[in-house]
Amino acid sequence: MRLAGRVAKDPHGPDTHRSFANCGLTRSSWLDSAIVHHIVVPSRNAVLIIEADMYDHTRGFDLI
């Protein structure tokens, strides 16, 4: 939840990056072992969380 809150406060912040080279709207961010993929909707001043994963070294990525 800390990661989602940080993304909501600043979706284009220094801790985020483009998920795809040719798309400025789809972004992702890491914090500890969690990753969030999100879409920034500038016309609505909104952030849509698409996927949240947590990495566990014994199992790989787990959807949360």
PDB file of N, CA and C in Angstrom:
ATOM      1  N   MET A   1       0.812  -1.185   0.000  1.00  0.00           N
ATOM      2  CA  MET A   1       0.000   0.000   0.000  1.00  0.00           C
ATOM      3  C   MET A   1       0.865   1.261   0.000  1.00  0.00           C
ATOM      4  N   ARG A   2       2.042   1.196   0.612  1.00  0.00           N
ATOM      5  CA  ARG A   2       2.927   2.368   0.579  1.00  0.00           C
ATOM      6  C   ARG A   2       3.309   2.717  -0.841  1.00  0.00           C
ATOM      7  N   LEU A   3       3.566   1.696  -1.637  1.00  0.00           N
ATOM      8  CA  LEU A   3       3.960   1.923  -3.030  1.00  0.00           C
ATOM      9  C   LEU A   3       2.814   2.530  -3.824  1.00  0.00           C
ATOM     10  N   ALA A   4       1.609   2.017  -3.657  1.00  0.00           N
ATOM     11  CA  ALA A   4       0.450   2.580  -4.360  1.00  0.00           C
ATOM     12  C   ALA A   4       0.212   4.023  -3.931  1.00  0.00           C
ATOM     13  N   GLY A   5       0.373   4.325  -2.669  1.00  0.00           N
ATOM     14  CA  GLY A   5       0.222   5.698  -2.185  1.00  0.00           C
ATOM     15  C   GLY A   5       1.265   6.626  -2.770  1.00  0.00           C
ATOM     16  N   ARG A   6       2.502   6.149  -2.855  1.00  0.00           N
ATOM     17  CA  ARG A   6       3.572   6.962  -3.436  1.00  0.00           C
ATOM     18  C   ARG A   6       3.321   7.232  -4.912  1.00  0.00           C
ATOM     19  N   VAL A   7       2.841   6.236  -5.635  1.00  0.00           N
ATOM     20  CA  VAL A   7       2.527   6.400  -7.054  1.00  0.00           C
ATOM     21  C   VAL A   7       1.362   7.378  -7.228  1.00  0.00           C
ATOM     22  N   ALA A   8       0.358   7.279  -6.357  1.00  0.00           N
ATOM     23  CA  ALA A   8      -0.796   8.179  -6.456  1.00  0.00           C
ATOM     24  C   ALA A   8      -0.395   9.639  -6.220  1.00  0.00           C
ATOM     25  N   LYS A   9       0.564   9.873  -5.324  1.00  0.00           N
ATOM     26  CA  LYS A   9       1.016  11.243  -5.047  1.00  0.00           C
ATOM     27  C   LYS A   9       1.801  11.830  -6.203  1.00  0.00           C
ATOM     28  N   ASP A  10       2.644  11.025  -6.836  1.00  0.00           N
ATOM     29  CA  ASP A  10       3.488  11.522  -7.927  1.00  0.00           C
ATOM     30  C   ASP A  10       3.679  10.423  -8.968  1.00  0.00           C
ATOM     31  N   PRO A  11       2.708  10.259  -9.900  1.00  0.00           N
ATOM     32  CA  PRO A  11       2.762   9.152 -10.858  1.00  0.00           C
ATOM     33  C   PRO A  11       3.909   9.249 -11.863  1.00  0.00           C
ATOM     34  N   HIS A  12       4.481  10.434 -12.029  1.00  0.00           N
ATOM     35  CA  HIS A  12       5.625  10.598 -12.930  1.00  0.00           C
ATOM     36  C   HIS A  12       6.907  10.866 -12.138  1.00  0.00           C
ATOM     37  N   GLY A  13       6.914  10.480 -10.881  1.00  0.00           N
ATOM     38  CA  GLY A  13       8.039  10.776  -9.992  1.00  0.00           C
ATOM     39  C   GLY A  13       9.324  10.070 -10.395  1.00  0.00           C
ATOM     40  N   PRO A  14      10.402  10.419  -9.713  1.00  0.00           N
ATOM     41  CA  PRO A  14      11.711   9.856 -10.043  1.00  0.00           C
ATOM     42  C   PRO A  14      11.827   8.359  -9.791  1.00  0.00           C
ATOM     43  N   ASP A  15      10.925   7.803  -8.993  1.00  0.00           N
ATOM     44  CA  ASP A  15      10.964   6.365  -8.696  1.00  0.00           C
ATOM     45  C   ASP A  15      10.122   5.547  -9.664  1.00  0.00           C
ATOM     46  N   THR A  16       9.569   6.188 -10.706  1.00  0.00           N
ATOM     47  CA  THR A  16       8.773   5.472 -11.704  1.00  0.00           C
ATOM     48  C   THR A  16       9.500   5.495 -13.038  1.00  0.00           C
ATOM     49  N   HIS A  17       9.128   4.584 -13.900  1.00  0.00           N
ATOM     50  CA  HIS A  17       9.704   4.572 -15.242  1.00  0.00           C
ATOM     51  C   HIS A  17       8.669   4.042 -16.227  1.00  0.00           C
ATOM     52  N   ARG A  18       8.892   4.301 -17.491  1.00  0.00           N
ATOM     53  CA  ARG A  18       7.988   3.816 -18.534  1.00  0.00           C
ATOM     54  C   ARG A  18       8.043   2.298 -18.596  1.00  0.00           C
ATOM     55  N   SER A  19       6.873   1.686 -18.718  1.00  0.00           N
ATOM     56  CA  SER A  19       6.825   0.230 -18.882  1.00  0.00           C
ATOM     57  C   SER A  19       7.159  -0.162 -20.310  1.00  0.00           C
ATOM     58  N   PHE A  20       6.806   0.704 -21.259  1.00  0.00           N
ATOM     59  CA  PHE A  20       7.080   0.476 -22.676  1.00  0.00           C
ATOM     60  C   PHE A  20       7.765   1.720 -23.231  1.00  0.00           C
ATOM     61  N   ALA A  21       8.732   1.541 -24.096  1.00  0.00           N
ATOM     62  CA  ALA A  21       9.525   2.656 -24.611  1.00  0.00           C
ATOM     63  C   ALA A  21       8.699   3.689 -25.374  1.00  0.00           C
ATOM     64  N   ASN A  22       7.633   3.264 -26.029  1.00  0.00           N
ATOM     65  CA  ASN A  22       6.858   4.180 -26.860  1.00  0.00           C
ATOM     66  C   ASN A  22       5.549   4.631 -26.215  1.00  0.00           C
ATOM     67  N   CYS A  23       5.371   4.434 -24.924  1.00  0.00           N
ATOM     68  CA  CYS A  23       4.124   4.794 -24.248  1.00  0.00           C
ATOM     69  C   CYS A  23       4.433   5.586 -22.985  1.00  0.00           C
ATOM     70  N   GLY A  24       3.990   6.829 -22.959  1.00  0.00           N
ATOM     71  CA  GLY A  24       4.235   7.670 -21.793  1.00  0.00           C
ATOM     72  C   GLY A  24       3.193   7.521 -20.703  1.00  0.00           C
ATOM     73  N   LEU A  25       2.121   6.803 -20.962  1.00  0.00           N
ATOM     74  CA  LEU A  25       1.047   6.670 -19.980  1.00  0.00           C
ATOM     75  C   LEU A  25       1.203   5.453 -19.081  1.00  0.00           C
ATOM     76  N   THR A  26       1.743   4.353 -19.606  1.00  0.00           N
ATOM     77  CA  THR A  26       1.899   3.123 -18.833  1.00  0.00           C
ATOM     78  C   THR A  26       3.251   3.150 -18.128  1.00  0.00           C
ATOM     79  N   ARG A  27       3.218   3.115 -16.807  1.00  0.00           N
ATOM     80  CA  ARG A  27       4.439   3.249 -16.019  1.00  0.00           C
ATOM     81  C   ARG A  27       4.498   2.155 -14.960  1.00  0.00           C
ATOM     82  N   SER A  28       5.639   2.025 -14.311  1.00  0.00           N
ATOM     83  CA  SER A  28       5.770   1.074 -13.213  1.00  0.00           C
ATOM     84  C   SER A  28       6.726   1.632 -12.172  1.00  0.00           C
ATOM     85  N   SER A  29       6.642   1.076 -10.977  1.00  0.00           N
ATOM     86  CA  SER A  29       7.481   1.519  -9.873  1.00  0.00           C
ATOM     87  C   SER A  29       7.759   0.346  -8.947  1.00  0.00           C
ATOM     88  N   TRP A  30       8.957   0.342  -8.339  1.00  0.00           N
ATOM     89  CA  TRP A  30       9.379  -0.693  -7.397  1.00  0.00           C
ATOM     90  C   TRP A  30       9.544  -0.096  -6.008  1.00  0.00           C
ATOM     91  N   LEU A  31       9.291  -0.892  -4.988  1.00  0.00           N
ATOM     92  CA  LEU A  31       9.612  -0.546  -3.604  1.00  0.00           C
ATOM     93  C   LEU A  31       9.842  -1.853  -2.868  1.00  0.00           C
ATOM     94  N   ASP A  32      11.034  -2.012  -2.331  1.00  0.00           N
ATOM     95  CA  ASP A  32      11.432  -3.263  -1.686  1.00  0.00           C
ATOM     96  C   ASP A  32      11.206  -4.418  -2.664  1.00  0.00           C
ATOM     97  N   SER A  33      10.325  -5.343  -2.359  1.00  0.00           N
ATOM     98  CA  SER A  33      10.097  -6.472  -3.258  1.00  0.00           C
ATOM     99  C   SER A  33       8.762  -6.375  -3.990  1.00  0.00           C
ATOM    100  N   ALA A  34       8.128  -5.199  -3.958  1.00  0.00           N
ATOM    101  CA  ALA A  34       6.832  -5.018  -4.613  1.00  0.00           C
ATOM    102  C   ALA A  34       6.988  -4.178  -5.877  1.00  0.00           C
ATOM    103  N   ILE A  35       6.147  -4.457  -6.871  1.00  0.00           N
ATOM    104  CA  ILE A  35       6.113  -3.678  -8.101  1.00  0.00           C
ATOM    105  C   ILE A  35       4.655  -3.353  -8.428  1.00  0.00           C
ATOM    106  N   VAL A  36       4.435  -2.149  -8.921  1.00  0.00           N
ATOM    107  CA  VAL A  36       3.104  -1.711  -9.325  1.00  0.00           C
ATOM    108  C   VAL A  36       3.195  -1.213 -10.761  1.00  0.00           C
ATOM    109  N   HIS A  37       2.302  -1.707 -11.616  1.00  0.00           N
ATOM    110  CA  HIS A  37       2.155  -1.198 -12.978  1.00  0.00           C
ATOM    111  C   HIS A  37       0.920  -0.310 -12.973  1.00  0.00           C
ATOM    112  N   HIS A  38       1.046   0.891 -13.535  1.00  0.00           N
ATOM    113  CA  HIS A  38      -0.084   1.811 -13.497  1.00  0.00           C
ATOM    114  C   HIS A  38      -0.184   2.628 -14.774  1.00  0.00           C
ATOM    115  N   ILE A  39      -1.373   3.160 -15.006  1.00  0.00           N
ATOM    116  CA  ILE A  39      -1.637   4.041 -16.145  1.00  0.00           C
ATOM    117  C   ILE A  39      -1.978   5.414 -15.589  1.00  0.00           C
ATOM    118  N   VAL A  40      -1.374   6.435 -16.151  1.00  0.00           N
ATOM    119  CA  VAL A  40      -1.662   7.806 -15.763  1.00  0.00           C
ATOM    120  C   VAL A  40      -2.682   8.360 -16.748  1.00  0.00           C
ATOM    121  N   VAL A  41      -3.792   8.877 -16.226  1.00  0.00           N
ATOM    122  CA  VAL A  41      -4.848   9.442 -17.063  1.00  0.00           C
ATOM    123  C   VAL A  41      -4.881  10.955 -16.815  1.00  0.00           C
ATOM    124  N   PRO A  42      -4.120  11.728 -17.624  1.00  0.00           N
ATOM    125  CA  PRO A  42      -4.004  13.161 -17.345  1.00  0.00           C
ATOM    126  C   PRO A  42      -5.322  13.923 -17.453  1.00  0.00           C
ATOM    127  N   SER A  43      -6.192  13.547 -18.376  1.00  0.00           N
ATOM    128  CA  SER A  43      -7.447  14.285 -18.552  1.00  0.00           C
ATOM    129  C   SER A  43      -8.379  14.142 -17.345  1.00  0.00           C
ATOM    130  N   ARG A  44      -8.234  13.070 -16.592  1.00  0.00           N
ATOM    131  CA  ARG A  44      -9.065  12.827 -15.400  1.00  0.00           C
ATOM    132  C   ARG A  44      -8.294  13.075 -14.102  1.00  0.00           C
ATOM    133  N   ASN A  45      -7.004  13.422 -14.231  1.00  0.00           N
ATOM    134  CA  ASN A  45      -6.149  13.608 -13.060  1.00  0.00           C
ATOM    135  C   ASN A  45      -6.227  12.361 -12.168  1.00  0.00           C
ATOM    136  N   ALA A  46      -6.028  11.194 -12.797  1.00  0.00           N
ATOM    137  CA  ALA A  46      -6.190   9.922 -12.096  1.00  0.00           C
ATOM    138  C   ALA A  46      -5.059   8.965 -12.417  1.00  0.00           C
ATOM    139  N   VAL A  47      -4.865   8.008 -11.533  1.00  0.00           N
ATOM    140  CA  VAL A  47      -3.910   6.918 -11.719  1.00  0.00           C
ATOM    141  C   VAL A  47      -4.680   5.614 -11.563  1.00  0.00           C
ATOM    142  N   LEU A  48      -4.553   4.728 -12.528  1.00  0.00           N
ATOM    143  CA  LEU A  48      -5.223   3.431 -12.496  1.00  0.00           C
ATOM    144  C   LEU A  48      -4.166   2.357 -12.255  1.00  0.00           C
ATOM    145  N   ILE A  49      -4.258   1.659 -11.137  1.00  0.00           N
ATOM    146  CA  ILE A  49      -3.334   0.568 -10.828  1.00  0.00           C
ATOM    147  C   ILE A  49      -3.784  -0.655 -11.621  1.00  0.00           C
ATOM    148  N   ILE A  50      -2.921  -1.144 -12.511  1.00  0.00           N
ATOM    149  CA  ILE A  50      -3.253  -2.284 -13.354  1.00  0.00           C
ATOM    150  C   ILE A  50      -2.908  -3.593 -12.661  1.00  0.00           C
ATOM    151  N   GLU A  51      -1.742  -3.624 -12.065  1.00  0.00           N
ATOM    152  CA  GLU A  51      -1.245  -4.870 -11.493  1.00  0.00           C
ATOM    153  C   GLU A  51      -0.312  -4.552 -10.338  1.00  0.00           C
ATOM    154  N   ALA A  52      -0.372  -5.368  -9.310  1.00  0.00           N
ATOM    155  CA  ALA A  52       0.550  -5.261  -8.187  1.00  0.00           C
ATOM    156  C   ALA A  52       1.123  -6.652  -7.934  1.00  0.00           C
ATOM    157  N   ASP A  53       2.433  -6.734  -7.894  1.00  0.00           N
ATOM    158  CA  ASP A  53       3.120  -8.012  -7.661  1.00  0.00           C
ATOM    159  C   ASP A  53       4.069  -7.880  -6.490  1.00  0.00           C
ATOM    160  N   MET A  54       4.272  -8.984  -5.810  1.00  0.00           N
ATOM    161  CA  MET A  54       5.283  -9.036  -4.764  1.00  0.00           C
ATOM    162  C   MET A  54       6.229 -10.188  -5.105  1.00  0.00           C
ATOM    163  N   TYR A  55       7.520  -9.926  -5.072  1.00  0.00           N
ATOM    164  CA  TYR A  55       8.493 -10.952  -5.415  1.00  0.00           C
ATOM    165  C   TYR A  55       8.911 -11.731  -4.176  1.00  0.00           C
ATOM    166  N   ASP A  56       8.774 -13.039  -4.266  1.00  0.00           N
ATOM    167  CA  ASP A  56       9.236 -13.959  -3.229  1.00  0.00           C
ATOM    168  C   ASP A  56      10.271 -14.852  -3.894  1.00  0.00           C
ATOM    169  N   HIS A  57      11.503 -14.828  -3.429  1.00  0.00           N
ATOM    170  CA  HIS A  57      12.589 -15.533  -4.124  1.00  0.00           C
ATOM    171  C   HIS A  57      12.365 -17.037  -4.246  1.00  0.00           C
ATOM    172  N   THR A  58      11.540 -17.623  -3.393  1.00  0.00           N
ATOM    173  CA  THR A  58      11.292 -19.067  -3.494  1.00  0.00           C
ATOM    174  C   THR A  58      10.218 -19.411  -4.515  1.00  0.00           C
ATOM    175  N   ARG A  59       9.311 -18.456  -4.783  1.00  0.00           N
ATOM    176  CA  ARG A  59       8.192 -18.735  -5.693  1.00  0.00           C
ATOM    177  C   ARG A  59       8.163 -17.847  -6.922  1.00  0.00           C
ATOM    178  N   GLY A  60       8.950 -16.801  -6.942  1.00  0.00           N
ATOM    179  CA  GLY A  60       8.883 -15.842  -8.050  1.00  0.00           C
ATOM    180  C   GLY A  60       7.869 -14.762  -7.720  1.00  0.00           C
ATOM    181  N   PHE A  61       7.215 -14.230  -8.755  1.00  0.00           N
ATOM    182  CA  PHE A  61       6.246 -13.163  -8.541  1.00  0.00           C
ATOM    183  C   PHE A  61       4.895 -13.732  -8.162  1.00  0.00           C
ATOM    184  N   ASP A  62       4.235 -13.067  -7.216  1.00  0.00           N
ATOM    185  CA  ASP A  62       2.878 -13.426  -6.783  1.00  0.00           C
ATOM    186  C   ASP A  62       1.986 -12.210  -6.950  1.00  0.00           C
ATOM    187  N   LEU A  63       0.861 -12.378  -7.590  1.00  0.00           N
ATOM    188  CA  LEU A  63      -0.107 -11.307  -7.734  1.00  0.00           C
ATOM    189  C   LEU A  63      -0.739 -10.998  -6.393  1.00  0.00           C
ATOM    190  N   ILE A  64      -0.788  -9.699  -6.039  1.00  0.00           N
ATOM    191  CA  ILE A  64      -1.452  -9.311  -4.787  1.00  0.00           C
ATOM    192  C   ILE A  64      -2.698  -8.520  -5.063  1.00  0.00           C
TER     193      ILE A  64
END
